[in-house]
Amino acid sequence: MIRSSRIMGVIECKYPYYPGTQGICHNGVVYYGAWSNLTDRRSVVVGFDLRYEEFSLITLPEDVQIVSRFESDLVRYNGKIALGYY
């Protein structure tokens, strides 16, 4: 049995968002597509740095949309994260 003295806690995210895709880990950061609000469904990519336990937010251009977790997803492409539609 492995024991740890570190206690898991809640990490607050200062960005309001609604998850829209599965997560993908790249270089120690978990990324997932989301919407900044449900009214206008502004698409963003949320990143969570596993090492520093910090959130970041990338606002996507207006013509790039997270459709739904059943129609779009984040994928690896040429060593980078890309948004794919299917």
PDB file of N, CA and C in Angstrom:
ATOM      1  N   MET A   1       0.841  -1.169   0.000  1.00  0.00           N
ATOM      2  CA  MET A   1       0.000   0.000   0.000  1.00  0.00           C
ATOM      3  C   MET A   1       0.889   1.235   0.000  1.00  0.00           C
ATOM      4  N   ILE A   2       0.577   2.164  -0.856  1.00  0.00           N
ATOM      5  CA  ILE A   2       1.315   3.420  -0.922  1.00  0.00           C
ATOM      6  C   ILE A   2       0.524   4.481  -0.171  1.00  0.00           C
ATOM      7  N   ARG A   3       1.208   5.166   0.693  1.00  0.00           N
ATOM      8  CA  ARG A   3       0.554   6.233   1.452  1.00  0.00           C
ATOM      9  C   ARG A   3       1.207   7.566   1.100  1.00  0.00           C
ATOM     10  N   SER A   4       0.416   8.595   1.130  1.00  0.00           N
ATOM     11  CA  SER A   4       0.922   9.934   0.842  1.00  0.00           C
ATOM     12  C   SER A   4       0.445  10.890   1.919  1.00  0.00           C
ATOM     13  N   SER A   5       1.326  11.805   2.280  1.00  0.00           N
ATOM     14  CA  SER A   5       0.920  12.811   3.265  1.00  0.00           C
ATOM     15  C   SER A   5       0.232  13.995   2.587  1.00  0.00           C
ATOM     16  N   ARG A   6       0.269  14.020   1.256  1.00  0.00           N
ATOM     17  CA  ARG A   6      -0.367  15.124   0.527  1.00  0.00           C
ATOM     18  C   ARG A   6      -1.874  14.897   0.466  1.00  0.00           C
ATOM     19  N   ILE A   7      -2.624  15.901   0.827  1.00  0.00           N
ATOM     20  CA  ILE A   7      -4.081  15.812   0.825  1.00  0.00           C
ATOM     21  C   ILE A   7      -4.608  16.448  -0.452  1.00  0.00           C
ATOM     22  N   MET A   8      -5.478  15.726  -1.131  1.00  0.00           N
ATOM     23  CA  MET A   8      -6.096  16.267  -2.339  1.00  0.00           C
ATOM     24  C   MET A   8      -7.044  17.389  -1.944  1.00  0.00           C
ATOM     25  N   GLY A   9      -7.070  18.425  -2.735  1.00  0.00           N
ATOM     26  CA  GLY A   9      -7.950  19.545  -2.449  1.00  0.00           C
ATOM     27  C   GLY A   9      -8.671  19.985  -3.705  1.00  0.00           C
ATOM     28  N   VAL A  10      -9.482  20.981  -3.574  1.00  0.00           N
ATOM     29  CA  VAL A  10     -10.221  21.545  -4.697  1.00  0.00           C
ATOM     30  C   VAL A  10      -9.410  22.710  -5.252  1.00  0.00           C
ATOM     31  N   ILE A  11      -9.242  22.722  -6.560  1.00  0.00           N
ATOM     32  CA  ILE A  11      -8.536  23.811  -7.219  1.00  0.00           C
ATOM     33  C   ILE A  11      -9.575  24.658  -7.932  1.00  0.00           C
ATOM     34  N   GLU A  12      -9.693  25.895  -7.526  1.00  0.00           N
ATOM     35  CA  GLU A  12     -10.689  26.795  -8.101  1.00  0.00           C
ATOM     36  C   GLU A  12     -10.240  27.291  -9.471  1.00  0.00           C
ATOM     37  N   CYS A  13     -11.162  27.336 -10.395  1.00  0.00           N
ATOM     38  CA  CYS A  13     -10.909  27.904 -11.717  1.00  0.00           C
ATOM     39  C   CYS A  13     -11.584  29.264 -11.771  1.00  0.00           C
ATOM     40  N   LYS A  14     -10.826  30.303 -12.118  1.00  0.00           N
ATOM     41  CA  LYS A  14     -11.391  31.656 -12.140  1.00  0.00           C
ATOM     42  C   LYS A  14     -12.168  31.945 -13.412  1.00  0.00           C
ATOM     43  N   TYR A  15     -12.190  30.980 -14.344  1.00  0.00           N
ATOM     44  CA  TYR A  15     -12.908  31.162 -15.605  1.00  0.00           C
ATOM     45  C   TYR A  15     -14.212  30.367 -15.576  1.00  0.00           C
ATOM     46  N   PRO A  16     -15.345  31.000 -15.803  1.00  0.00           N
ATOM     47  CA  PRO A  16     -16.591  30.227 -15.898  1.00  0.00           C
ATOM     48  C   PRO A  16     -16.635  29.512 -17.250  1.00  0.00           C
ATOM     49  N   TYR A  17     -16.985  28.234 -17.245  1.00  0.00           N
ATOM     50  CA  TYR A  17     -17.058  27.482 -18.497  1.00  0.00           C
ATOM     51  C   TYR A  17     -17.945  26.259 -18.321  1.00  0.00           C
ATOM     52  N   TYR A  18     -18.344  25.690 -19.461  1.00  0.00           N
ATOM     53  CA  TYR A  18     -19.147  24.470 -19.500  1.00  0.00           C
ATOM     54  C   TYR A  18     -18.422  23.489 -20.413  1.00  0.00           C
ATOM     55  N   PRO A  19     -17.939  22.343 -19.895  1.00  0.00           N
ATOM     56  CA  PRO A  19     -17.174  21.392 -20.712  1.00  0.00           C
ATOM     57  C   PRO A  19     -17.965  20.916 -21.927  1.00  0.00           C
ATOM     58  N   GLY A  20     -17.249  20.731 -23.050  1.00  0.00           N
ATOM     59  CA  GLY A  20     -17.912  20.308 -24.281  1.00  0.00           C
ATOM     60  C   GLY A  20     -17.259  19.135 -24.974  1.00  0.00           C
ATOM     61  N   THR A  21     -15.993  18.799 -24.633  1.00  0.00           N
ATOM     62  CA  THR A  21     -15.311  17.673 -25.280  1.00  0.00           C
ATOM     63  C   THR A  21     -14.584  16.838 -24.232  1.00  0.00           C
ATOM     64  N   GLN A  22     -14.063  15.715 -24.680  1.00  0.00           N
ATOM     65  CA  GLN A  22     -13.183  14.900 -23.845  1.00  0.00           C
ATOM     66  C   GLN A  22     -11.870  15.651 -23.652  1.00  0.00           C
ATOM     67  N   GLY A  23     -11.150  15.332 -22.610  1.00  0.00           N
ATOM     68  CA  GLY A  23      -9.850  15.945 -22.379  1.00  0.00           C
ATOM     69  C   GLY A  23      -8.744  15.194 -23.099  1.00  0.00           C
ATOM     70  N   ILE A  24      -7.650  15.904 -23.377  1.00  0.00           N
ATOM     71  CA  ILE A  24      -6.473  15.303 -23.992  1.00  0.00           C
ATOM     72  C   ILE A  24      -5.252  15.899 -23.298  1.00  0.00           C
ATOM     73  N   CYS A  25      -4.296  15.049 -22.916  1.00  0.00           N
ATOM     74  CA  CYS A  25      -3.106  15.516 -22.209  1.00  0.00           C
ATOM     75  C   CYS A  25      -1.970  15.716 -23.209  1.00  0.00           C
ATOM     76  N   HIS A  26      -1.324  16.873 -23.141  1.00  0.00           N
ATOM     77  CA  HIS A  26      -0.210  17.198 -24.029  1.00  0.00           C
ATOM     78  C   HIS A  26       0.811  18.010 -23.247  1.00  0.00           C
ATOM     79  N   ASN A  27       2.027  17.478 -23.136  1.00  0.00           N
ATOM     80  CA  ASN A  27       3.115  18.163 -22.416  1.00  0.00           C
ATOM     81  C   ASN A  27       2.726  18.564 -20.995  1.00  0.00           C
ATOM     82  N   GLY A  28       2.029  17.693 -20.301  1.00  0.00           N
ATOM     83  CA  GLY A  28       1.684  17.946 -18.904  1.00  0.00           C
ATOM     84  C   GLY A  28       0.499  18.856 -18.675  1.00  0.00           C
ATOM     85  N   VAL A  29      -0.219  19.173 -19.745  1.00  0.00           N
ATOM     86  CA  VAL A  29      -1.417  20.007 -19.620  1.00  0.00           C
ATOM     87  C   VAL A  29      -2.601  19.232 -20.180  1.00  0.00           C
ATOM     88  N   VAL A  30      -3.687  19.181 -19.432  1.00  0.00           N
ATOM     89  CA  VAL A  30      -4.922  18.560 -19.916  1.00  0.00           C
ATOM     90  C   VAL A  30      -5.762  19.658 -20.556  1.00  0.00           C
ATOM     91  N   TYR A  31      -6.089  19.463 -21.837  1.00  0.00           N
ATOM     92  CA  TYR A  31      -6.895  20.429 -22.592  1.00  0.00           C
ATOM     93  C   TYR A  31      -8.262  19.831 -22.882  1.00  0.00           C
ATOM     94  N   TYR A  32      -9.293  20.657 -22.892  1.00  0.00           N
ATOM     95  CA  TYR A  32     -10.611  20.213 -23.344  1.00  0.00           C
ATOM     96  C   TYR A  32     -11.395  21.403 -23.866  1.00  0.00           C
ATOM     97  N   GLY A  33     -12.249  21.113 -24.843  1.00  0.00           N
ATOM     98  CA  GLY A  33     -13.093  22.145 -25.426  1.00  0.00           C
ATOM     99  C   GLY A  33     -14.248  22.459 -24.498  1.00  0.00           C
ATOM    100  N   ALA A  34     -14.673  23.716 -24.520  1.00  0.00           N
ATOM    101  CA  ALA A  34     -15.748  24.147 -23.625  1.00  0.00           C
ATOM    102  C   ALA A  34     -16.423  25.383 -24.213  1.00  0.00           C
ATOM    103  N   TRP A  35     -17.449  25.838 -23.510  1.00  0.00           N
ATOM    104  CA  TRP A  35     -18.136  27.089 -23.854  1.00  0.00           C
ATOM    105  C   TRP A  35     -18.000  28.030 -22.670  1.00  0.00           C
ATOM    106  N   SER A  36     -17.749  29.305 -22.946  1.00  0.00           N
ATOM    107  CA  SER A  36     -17.606  30.271 -21.853  1.00  0.00           C
ATOM    108  C   SER A  36     -18.947  30.605 -21.217  1.00  0.00           C
ATOM    109  N   ASN A  37     -20.031  30.438 -21.977  1.00  0.00           N
ATOM    110  CA  ASN A  37     -21.379  30.528 -21.409  1.00  0.00           C
ATOM    111  C   ASN A  37     -22.324  29.794 -22.345  1.00  0.00           C
ATOM    112  N   LEU A  38     -23.482  29.453 -21.857  1.00  0.00           N
ATOM    113  CA  LEU A  38     -24.410  28.661 -22.663  1.00  0.00           C
ATOM    114  C   LEU A  38     -25.342  29.515 -23.508  1.00  0.00           C
ATOM    115  N   THR A  39     -25.370  30.825 -23.271  1.00  0.00           N
ATOM    116  CA  THR A  39     -26.261  31.696 -24.038  1.00  0.00           C
ATOM    117  C   THR A  39     -25.787  31.849 -25.471  1.00  0.00           C
ATOM    118  N   ASP A  40     -24.542  32.317 -25.650  1.00  0.00           N
ATOM    119  CA  ASP A  40     -24.037  32.487 -27.017  1.00  0.00           C
ATOM    120  C   ASP A  40     -23.064  31.380 -27.421  1.00  0.00           C
ATOM    121  N   ARG A  41     -22.815  30.432 -26.523  1.00  0.00           N
ATOM    122  CA  ARG A  41     -21.955  29.273 -26.777  1.00  0.00           C
ATOM    123  C   ARG A  41     -20.597  29.673 -27.354  1.00  0.00           C
ATOM    124  N   ARG A  42     -19.968  30.668 -26.759  1.00  0.00           N
ATOM    125  CA  ARG A  42     -18.626  31.092 -27.175  1.00  0.00           C
ATOM    126  C   ARG A  42     -17.641  29.963 -26.876  1.00  0.00           C
ATOM    127  N   SER A  43     -16.942  29.491 -27.906  1.00  0.00           N
ATOM    128  CA  SER A  43     -16.058  28.334 -27.761  1.00  0.00           C
ATOM    129  C   SER A  43     -14.687  28.727 -27.218  1.00  0.00           C
ATOM    130  N   VAL A  44     -14.207  27.920 -26.289  1.00  0.00           N
ATOM    131  CA  VAL A  44     -12.898  28.119 -25.670  1.00  0.00           C
ATOM    132  C   VAL A  44     -12.221  26.761 -25.508  1.00  0.00           C
ATOM    133  N   VAL A  45     -10.920  26.795 -25.272  1.00  0.00           N
ATOM    134  CA  VAL A  45     -10.186  25.600 -24.864  1.00  0.00           C
ATOM    135  C   VAL A  45      -9.665  25.878 -23.467  1.00  0.00           C
ATOM    136  N   VAL A  46     -10.002  25.004 -22.541  1.00  0.00           N
ATOM    137  CA  VAL A  46      -9.546  25.122 -21.160  1.00  0.00           C
ATOM    138  C   VAL A  46      -8.318  24.232 -21.011  1.00  0.00           C
ATOM    139  N   GLY A  47      -7.287  24.750 -20.373  1.00  0.00           N
ATOM    140  CA  GLY A  47      -6.094  23.968 -20.086  1.00  0.00           C
ATOM    141  C   GLY A  47      -5.885  23.885 -18.586  1.00  0.00           C
ATOM    142  N   PHE A  48      -5.465  22.718 -18.123  1.00  0.00           N
ATOM    143  CA  PHE A  48      -5.115  22.569 -16.712  1.00  0.00           C
ATOM    144  C   PHE A  48      -3.712  21.992 -16.637  1.00  0.00           C
ATOM    145  N   ASP A  49      -2.774  22.787 -16.125  1.00  0.00           N
ATOM    146  CA  ASP A  49      -1.386  22.376 -15.992  1.00  0.00           C
ATOM    147  C   ASP A  49      -1.260  21.466 -14.770  1.00  0.00           C
ATOM    148  N   LEU A  50      -0.904  20.208 -15.007  1.00  0.00           N
ATOM    149  CA  LEU A  50      -0.841  19.234 -13.920  1.00  0.00           C
ATOM    150  C   LEU A  50       0.296  19.526 -12.941  1.00  0.00           C
ATOM    151  N   ARG A  51       1.377  20.100 -13.414  1.00  0.00           N
ATOM    152  CA  ARG A  51       2.514  20.390 -12.542  1.00  0.00           C
ATOM    153  C   ARG A  51       2.237  21.572 -11.615  1.00  0.00           C
ATOM    154  N   TYR A  52       1.735  22.654 -12.187  1.00  0.00           N
ATOM    155  CA  TYR A  52       1.511  23.873 -11.408  1.00  0.00           C
ATOM    156  C   TYR A  52       0.087  23.997 -10.872  1.00  0.00           C
ATOM    157  N   GLU A  53      -0.777  23.073 -11.274  1.00  0.00           N
ATOM    158  CA  GLU A  53      -2.170  23.052 -10.833  1.00  0.00           C
ATOM    159  C   GLU A  53      -2.854  24.394 -11.102  1.00  0.00           C
ATOM    160  N   GLU A  54      -2.699  24.867 -12.355  1.00  0.00           N
ATOM    161  CA  GLU A  54      -3.292  26.139 -12.765  1.00  0.00           C
ATOM    162  C   GLU A  54      -4.120  25.957 -14.030  1.00  0.00           C
ATOM    163  N   PHE A  55      -5.197  26.726 -14.113  1.00  0.00           N
ATOM    164  CA  PHE A  55      -6.047  26.731 -15.300  1.00  0.00           C
ATOM    165  C   PHE A  55      -5.623  27.850 -16.241  1.00  0.00           C
ATOM    166  N   SER A  56      -5.845  27.634 -17.539  1.00  0.00           N
ATOM    167  CA  SER A  56      -5.684  28.685 -18.543  1.00  0.00           C
ATOM    168  C   SER A  56      -6.860  28.581 -19.502  1.00  0.00           C
ATOM    169  N   LEU A  57      -7.101  29.648 -20.234  1.00  0.00           N
ATOM    170  CA  LEU A  57      -8.248  29.683 -21.138  1.00  0.00           C
ATOM    171  C   LEU A  57      -7.809  30.280 -22.471  1.00  0.00           C
ATOM    172  N   ILE A  58      -8.142  29.596 -23.565  1.00  0.00           N
ATOM    173  CA  ILE A  58      -7.860  30.079 -24.912  1.00  0.00           C
ATOM    174  C   ILE A  58      -9.201  30.309 -25.591  1.00  0.00           C
ATOM    175  N   THR A  59      -9.488  31.555 -25.952  1.00  0.00           N
ATOM    176  CA  THR A  59     -10.731  31.866 -26.660  1.00  0.00           C
ATOM    177  C   THR A  59     -10.524  31.580 -28.139  1.00  0.00           C
ATOM    178  N   LEU A  60     -11.402  30.784 -28.727  1.00  0.00           N
ATOM    179  CA  LEU A  60     -11.290  30.428 -30.139  1.00  0.00           C
ATOM    180  C   LEU A  60     -11.888  31.528 -31.011  1.00  0.00           C
ATOM    181  N   PRO A  61     -11.405  31.657 -32.259  1.00  0.00           N
ATOM    182  CA  PRO A  61     -12.016  32.627 -33.181  1.00  0.00           C
ATOM    183  C   PRO A  61     -13.506  32.327 -33.350  1.00  0.00           C
ATOM    184  N   GLU A  62     -14.292  33.345 -33.653  1.00  0.00           N
ATOM    185  CA  GLU A  62     -15.747  33.175 -33.737  1.00  0.00           C
ATOM    186  C   GLU A  62     -16.183  32.144 -34.770  1.00  0.00           C
ATOM    187  N   ASP A  63     -15.395  31.964 -35.841  1.00  0.00           N
ATOM    188  CA  ASP A  63     -15.785  30.994 -36.871  1.00  0.00           C
ATOM    189  C   ASP A  63     -15.335  29.570 -36.551  1.00  0.00           C
ATOM    190  N   VAL A  64     -14.709  29.363 -35.388  1.00  0.00           N
ATOM    191  CA  VAL A  64     -14.314  28.024 -34.931  1.00  0.00           C
ATOM    192  C   VAL A  64     -15.180  27.691 -33.727  1.00  0.00           C
ATOM    193  N   GLN A  65     -15.952  26.623 -33.827  1.00  0.00           N
ATOM    194  CA  GLN A  65     -16.926  26.305 -32.783  1.00  0.00           C
ATOM    195  C   GLN A  65     -16.738  24.896 -32.227  1.00  0.00           C
ATOM    196  N   ILE A  66     -16.879  24.778 -30.912  1.00  0.00           N
ATOM    197  CA  ILE A  66     -17.041  23.474 -30.280  1.00  0.00           C
ATOM    198  C   ILE A  66     -18.508  23.133 -30.496  1.00  0.00           C
ATOM    199  N   VAL A  67     -18.788  22.085 -31.266  1.00  0.00           N
ATOM    200  CA  VAL A  67     -20.178  21.764 -31.600  1.00  0.00           C
ATOM    201  C   VAL A  67     -20.816  20.996 -30.453  1.00  0.00           C
ATOM    202  N   SER A  68     -20.321  19.826 -30.171  1.00  0.00           N
ATOM    203  CA  SER A  68     -20.750  19.009 -29.031  1.00  0.00           C
ATOM    204  C   SER A  68     -19.736  17.898 -28.879  1.00  0.00           C
ATOM    205  N   ARG A  69     -19.780  17.208 -27.769  1.00  0.00           N
ATOM    206  CA  ARG A  69     -18.812  16.129 -27.569  1.00  0.00           C
ATOM    207  C   ARG A  69     -19.048  14.961 -28.521  1.00  0.00           C
ATOM    208  N   PHE A  70     -20.157  14.965 -29.232  1.00  0.00           N
ATOM    209  CA  PHE A  70     -20.438  13.896 -30.185  1.00  0.00           C
ATOM    210  C   PHE A  70     -20.115  14.299 -31.620  1.00  0.00           C
ATOM    211  N   GLU A  71     -19.758  15.577 -31.839  1.00  0.00           N
ATOM    212  CA  GLU A  71     -19.483  16.057 -33.193  1.00  0.00           C
ATOM    213  C   GLU A  71     -18.115  16.706 -33.348  1.00  0.00           C
ATOM    214  N   SER A  72     -17.451  17.031 -32.252  1.00  0.00           N
ATOM    215  CA  SER A  72     -16.118  17.629 -32.318  1.00  0.00           C
ATOM    216  C   SER A  72     -15.308  17.157 -31.116  1.00  0.00           C
ATOM    217  N   ASP A  73     -13.987  17.166 -31.291  1.00  0.00           N
ATOM    218  CA  ASP A  73     -13.119  16.739 -30.206  1.00  0.00           C
ATOM    219  C   ASP A  73     -11.722  17.294 -30.435  1.00  0.00           C
ATOM    220  N   LEU A  74     -10.945  17.374 -29.371  1.00  0.00           N
ATOM    221  CA  LEU A  74      -9.555  17.773 -29.499  1.00  0.00           C
ATOM    222  C   LEU A  74      -8.733  16.540 -29.846  1.00  0.00           C
ATOM    223  N   VAL A  75      -7.801  16.695 -30.796  1.00  0.00           N
ATOM    224  CA  VAL A  75      -6.955  15.591 -31.262  1.00  0.00           C
ATOM    225  C   VAL A  75      -5.516  16.088 -31.363  1.00  0.00           C
ATOM    226  N   ARG A  76      -4.566  15.139 -31.419  1.00  0.00           N
ATOM    227  CA  ARG A  76      -3.171  15.487 -31.681  1.00  0.00           C
ATOM    228  C   ARG A  76      -2.950  15.473 -33.191  1.00  0.00           C
ATOM    229  N   TYR A  77      -2.275  16.511 -33.697  1.00  0.00           N
ATOM    230  CA  TYR A  77      -1.972  16.596 -35.119  1.00  0.00           C
ATOM    231  C   TYR A  77      -0.600  17.253 -35.276  1.00  0.00           C
ATOM    232  N   ASN A  78       0.337  16.517 -35.832  1.00  0.00           N
ATOM    233  CA  ASN A  78       1.712  17.020 -36.021  1.00  0.00           C
ATOM    234  C   ASN A  78       2.304  17.596 -34.737  1.00  0.00           C
ATOM    235  N   GLY A  79       2.094  16.903 -33.621  1.00  0.00           N
ATOM    236  CA  GLY A  79       2.672  17.325 -32.352  1.00  0.00           C
ATOM    237  C   GLY A  79       1.971  18.484 -31.669  1.00  0.00           C
ATOM    238  N   LYS A  80       0.808  18.851 -32.170  1.00  0.00           N
ATOM    239  CA  LYS A  80       0.040  19.952 -31.574  1.00  0.00           C
ATOM    240  C   LYS A  80      -1.386  19.487 -31.299  1.00  0.00           C
ATOM    241  N   ILE A  81      -2.134  20.301 -30.576  1.00  0.00           N
ATOM    242  CA  ILE A  81      -3.539  20.017 -30.305  1.00  0.00           C
ATOM    243  C   ILE A  81      -4.381  20.718 -31.363  1.00  0.00           C
ATOM    244  N   ALA A  82      -5.331  19.990 -31.931  1.00  0.00           N
ATOM    245  CA  ALA A  82      -6.209  20.557 -32.962  1.00  0.00           C
ATOM    246  C   ALA A  82      -7.649  20.192 -32.635  1.00  0.00           C
ATOM    247  N   LEU A  83      -8.575  20.954 -33.187  1.00  0.00           N
ATOM    248  CA  LEU A  83      -9.998  20.667 -33.037  1.00  0.00           C
ATOM    249  C   LEU A  83     -10.456  19.929 -34.283  1.00  0.00           C
ATOM    250  N   GLY A  84     -10.979  18.732 -34.083  1.00  0.00           N
ATOM    251  CA  GLY A  84     -11.453  17.934 -35.213  1.00  0.00           C
ATOM    252  C   GLY A  84     -12.963  17.785 -35.174  1.00  0.00           C
ATOM    253  N   TYR A  85     -13.549  17.719 -36.355  1.00  0.00           N
ATOM    254  CA  TYR A  85     -14.996  17.515 -36.490  1.00  0.00           C
ATOM    255  C   TYR A  85     -15.238  16.165 -37.136  1.00  0.00           C
ATOM    256  N   TYR A  86     -16.306  15.484 -36.732  1.00  0.00           N
ATOM    257  CA  TYR A  86     -16.650  14.199 -37.349  1.00  0.00           C
ATOM    258  C   TYR A  86     -18.135  14.023 -37.398  1.00  0.00           C
TER     259      TYR A  86
END
